[in-house]
Structure formats: structure tokens, C-alpha cells
């Protein structure tokens, strides 16, 4: 029984050494990021998709909050948490795109939008709709839409 165990361990060790050496290397994300940083159109398209998606998500979250008010404190807290998380995700996405953008105007606009969304934090009283609209217009201009 011992020789079988020794043989199995040795075979496993050899396979592990051989398999590790032949593993397919993972692509370097910094290479893809560098390529994307030069592709303003791709970043603009992603920003557009992300903003559209967030608009839909925000509408659904606000509807969920209204519905939760009649369902008790736990439902209200859960709806608020979902809204807070969705706002945080959108802000992070904008900030991440700003880091990738090679165009200075686009980079700055995305960074400002991220900051404005972070300040909003899901609290409608903190939403500066005028500022957000101005930033959206600036994003359109940076992306060649206006």
C-alpha cells in the first residue's frame, strides 16, 4: 500500500510541476487599460451605457423606496441600502472610467460626475440636478455629441 501512495504523491507532484509550467498566462489588464485610454470613443460609449443603465436603476430604486415605506422599517432599510449601493457602484464606475480616459477633458468631466454622484449618496435632498445636468452636457461635448 505504501508504494502505491508514494507513486501517487510523486505523480501528483510531477503533474503539478508540469501543469503549472504550461498554464496559459492571463492577459495583463494594464495592457488593455492602456489601449482603452487612447480610445475616447470606447470610453464615451461605456459612459453612455453606464449612465443609461444607472438612470433605469435609479428609477427602480426610488420606486422600491416608495413601496417599502408601507412595508415597515426592515423593507425601508433594505430599499435604502440597495439605493446606496447602486449609487456607489455608479460613482465607482465613473471614477474608474476617468482613470482610464486619455483625453483630459473627458477625464476631468468623469471625475467631477463621480464626485457629484458620491455627494448625492442616494439622498434626494443632496442631489444637485443642475450641476449633474451641466456635467452631463460637458460629457456630451467631451464625447463629441454637443
Protein backbone atom coordinates (compact mmCIF):
# COMPACT_ATOMS: atom_id res chain seq x y z
CA UNK A 1 0.00 0.00 0.00
CA UNK A 2 2.90 2.37 0.77
CA UNK A 3 4.42 2.09 -2.72
CA UNK A 4 1.04 2.98 -4.26
CA UNK A 5 0.74 6.05 -2.02
CA UNK A 6 4.32 7.11 -2.81
CA UNK A 7 3.74 6.65 -6.53
CA UNK A 8 0.51 8.64 -6.37
CA UNK A 9 2.16 11.51 -4.48
CA UNK A 10 5.11 11.53 -6.90
CA UNK A 11 2.80 11.51 -9.94
CA UNK A 12 0.73 14.33 -8.44
CA UNK A 13 3.89 16.37 -7.75
CA UNK A 14 5.19 15.84 -11.29
CA UNK A 15 1.83 16.74 -12.80
CA UNK A 16 1.58 19.85 -10.62
CA UNK A 17 5.05 20.96 -11.71
CA UNK A 18 4.36 20.24 -15.36
CA UNK A 19 0.84 21.62 -15.36
CA UNK A 20 1.90 24.84 -13.69
CA UNK A 21 4.64 25.45 -16.22
CA UNK A 22 2.25 25.02 -19.14
CA UNK A 23 -0.60 27.11 -17.75
CA UNK A 24 -1.91 29.72 -20.14
CA UNK A 25 -0.78 33.16 -18.99
CA UNK A 26 -3.55 35.56 -18.07
CA UNK A 27 -3.76 38.76 -20.07
CA UNK A 28 -2.27 41.80 -18.39
CA UNK A 29 -5.16 44.18 -17.63
CA UNK A 30 -2.81 47.16 -17.71
CA UNK A 31 -2.18 46.50 -21.42
CA UNK A 32 -5.92 46.54 -22.13
CA UNK A 33 -6.33 49.64 -19.96
CA UNK A 34 -3.52 51.39 -21.83
CA UNK A 35 -5.17 50.61 -25.16
CA UNK A 36 -8.55 51.77 -23.88
CA UNK A 37 -7.08 55.02 -22.54
CA UNK A 38 -6.38 56.02 -26.13
CA UNK A 39 -9.89 55.10 -27.26
CA UNK A 40 -12.05 58.04 -26.26
CA UNK A 41 -14.97 56.70 -28.32
CA UNK A 42 -14.99 53.43 -26.37
CA UNK A 43 -14.87 55.23 -23.02
CA UNK A 44 -17.66 57.57 -24.13
CA UNK A 45 -19.77 54.62 -25.28
CA UNK A 46 -19.21 52.88 -21.95
CA UNK A 47 -20.06 56.06 -20.03
CA UNK A 48 -23.25 56.40 -22.06
CA UNK A 49 -24.27 52.77 -21.41
CA UNK A 50 -23.42 53.08 -17.73
CA UNK A 51 -25.37 56.33 -17.34
CA UNK A 52 -28.41 54.92 -19.14
CA UNK A 53 -28.31 51.80 -17.00
CA UNK A 54 -27.96 53.87 -13.83
CA UNK A 55 -30.95 56.01 -14.83
CA UNK A 56 -33.07 52.88 -15.10
CA UNK A 57 -31.67 51.51 -11.85
CA UNK A 58 -32.22 54.79 -10.01
CA UNK A 59 -35.84 54.94 -11.17
CA UNK A 60 -36.43 51.37 -9.98
CA UNK A 61 -34.66 52.07 -6.65
CA UNK A 62 -36.74 55.17 -5.97
CA UNK A 63 -39.91 53.25 -6.80
CA UNK A 64 -38.76 50.49 -4.44
CA UNK A 65 -38.23 53.06 -1.68
CA UNK A 66 -41.74 54.42 -2.11
CA UNK A 67 -43.21 50.93 -1.99
CA UNK A 68 -41.09 49.99 1.03
CA UNK A 69 -42.44 52.84 3.14
CA UNK A 70 -45.70 50.98 3.60
CA UNK A 71 -43.95 47.68 4.37
CA UNK A 72 -42.15 48.54 7.58
CA UNK A 73 -38.72 49.57 8.80
CA UNK A 74 -36.87 46.48 7.51
CA UNK A 75 -38.15 46.93 3.95
CA UNK A 76 -37.37 50.66 4.06
CA UNK A 77 -33.83 49.98 5.30
CA UNK A 78 -33.29 47.33 2.63
CA UNK A 79 -34.51 49.67 -0.13
CA UNK A 80 -32.26 52.46 1.15
CA UNK A 81 -29.28 50.08 1.26
CA UNK A 82 -29.94 49.00 -2.34
CA UNK A 83 -30.11 52.61 -3.50
CA UNK A 84 -26.92 53.50 -1.61
CA UNK A 85 -25.08 50.53 -3.14
CA UNK A 86 -26.29 51.30 -6.66
CA UNK A 87 -25.22 54.96 -6.31
CA UNK A 88 -21.83 53.83 -5.01
CA UNK A 89 -21.41 51.42 -7.93
CA UNK A 90 -22.23 54.14 -10.46
CA UNK A 91 -19.86 56.61 -8.82
CA UNK A 92 -17.10 53.99 -8.80
CA UNK A 93 -17.70 53.19 -12.48
CA UNK A 94 -17.46 56.87 -13.42
CA UNK A 95 -14.28 57.26 -11.37
CA UNK A 96 -12.79 54.15 -12.92
CA UNK A 97 -13.54 55.41 -16.43
CA UNK A 98 -11.97 58.78 -15.53
CA UNK A 99 -8.75 56.99 -14.58
CA UNK A 100 -8.69 55.25 -17.95
CA UNK A 101 -9.50 58.29 -20.08
CA UNK A 102 -6.57 59.70 -22.01
CA UNK A 103 -8.42 62.87 -23.02
CA UNK A 104 -8.02 65.48 -20.26
CA UNK A 105 -11.49 67.00 -20.70
CA UNK A 106 -13.18 63.61 -20.62
CA UNK A 107 -11.08 62.54 -17.62
CA UNK A 108 -11.98 65.69 -15.67
CA UNK A 109 -15.68 65.52 -16.54
CA UNK A 110 -16.00 61.87 -15.50
CA UNK A 111 -14.12 62.60 -12.27
CA UNK A 112 -16.44 65.52 -11.47
CA UNK A 113 -19.51 63.41 -12.24
CA UNK A 114 -18.21 60.69 -9.94
CA UNK A 115 -17.77 63.25 -7.17
CA UNK A 116 -21.24 64.68 -7.70
CA UNK A 117 -22.81 61.22 -7.61
CA UNK A 118 -20.83 60.37 -4.46
CA UNK A 119 -22.12 63.56 -2.81
CA UNK A 120 -25.68 62.52 -3.72
CA UNK A 121 -25.27 59.21 -1.84
CA UNK A 122 -28.86 58.22 -2.55
CA UNK A 123 -30.26 61.20 -0.62
CA UNK A 124 -32.52 63.19 -2.94
CA UNK A 125 -32.07 66.35 -0.86
CA UNK A 126 -28.35 66.26 -1.74
CA UNK A 127 -28.94 65.85 -5.48
CA UNK A 128 -27.80 68.93 -7.40
CA UNK A 129 -29.76 68.31 -10.59
CA UNK A 130 -28.44 71.50 -12.20
CA UNK A 131 -24.82 70.54 -11.58
CA UNK A 132 -25.42 66.98 -12.77
CA UNK A 133 -27.11 68.29 -15.91
CA UNK A 134 -24.18 70.63 -16.58
CA UNK A 135 -21.74 67.75 -16.14
CA UNK A 136 -23.82 65.56 -18.44
CA UNK A 137 -23.72 68.30 -21.07
CA UNK A 138 -19.94 68.60 -20.57
CA UNK A 139 -19.62 64.83 -21.01
CA UNK A 140 -21.60 65.03 -24.25
CA UNK A 141 -19.26 67.77 -25.50
CA UNK A 142 -16.15 65.82 -24.47
CA UNK A 143 -17.56 62.88 -26.39
CA UNK A 144 -18.28 64.97 -29.48
CA UNK A 145 -22.07 64.97 -29.09
CA UNK A 146 -22.71 68.63 -28.46
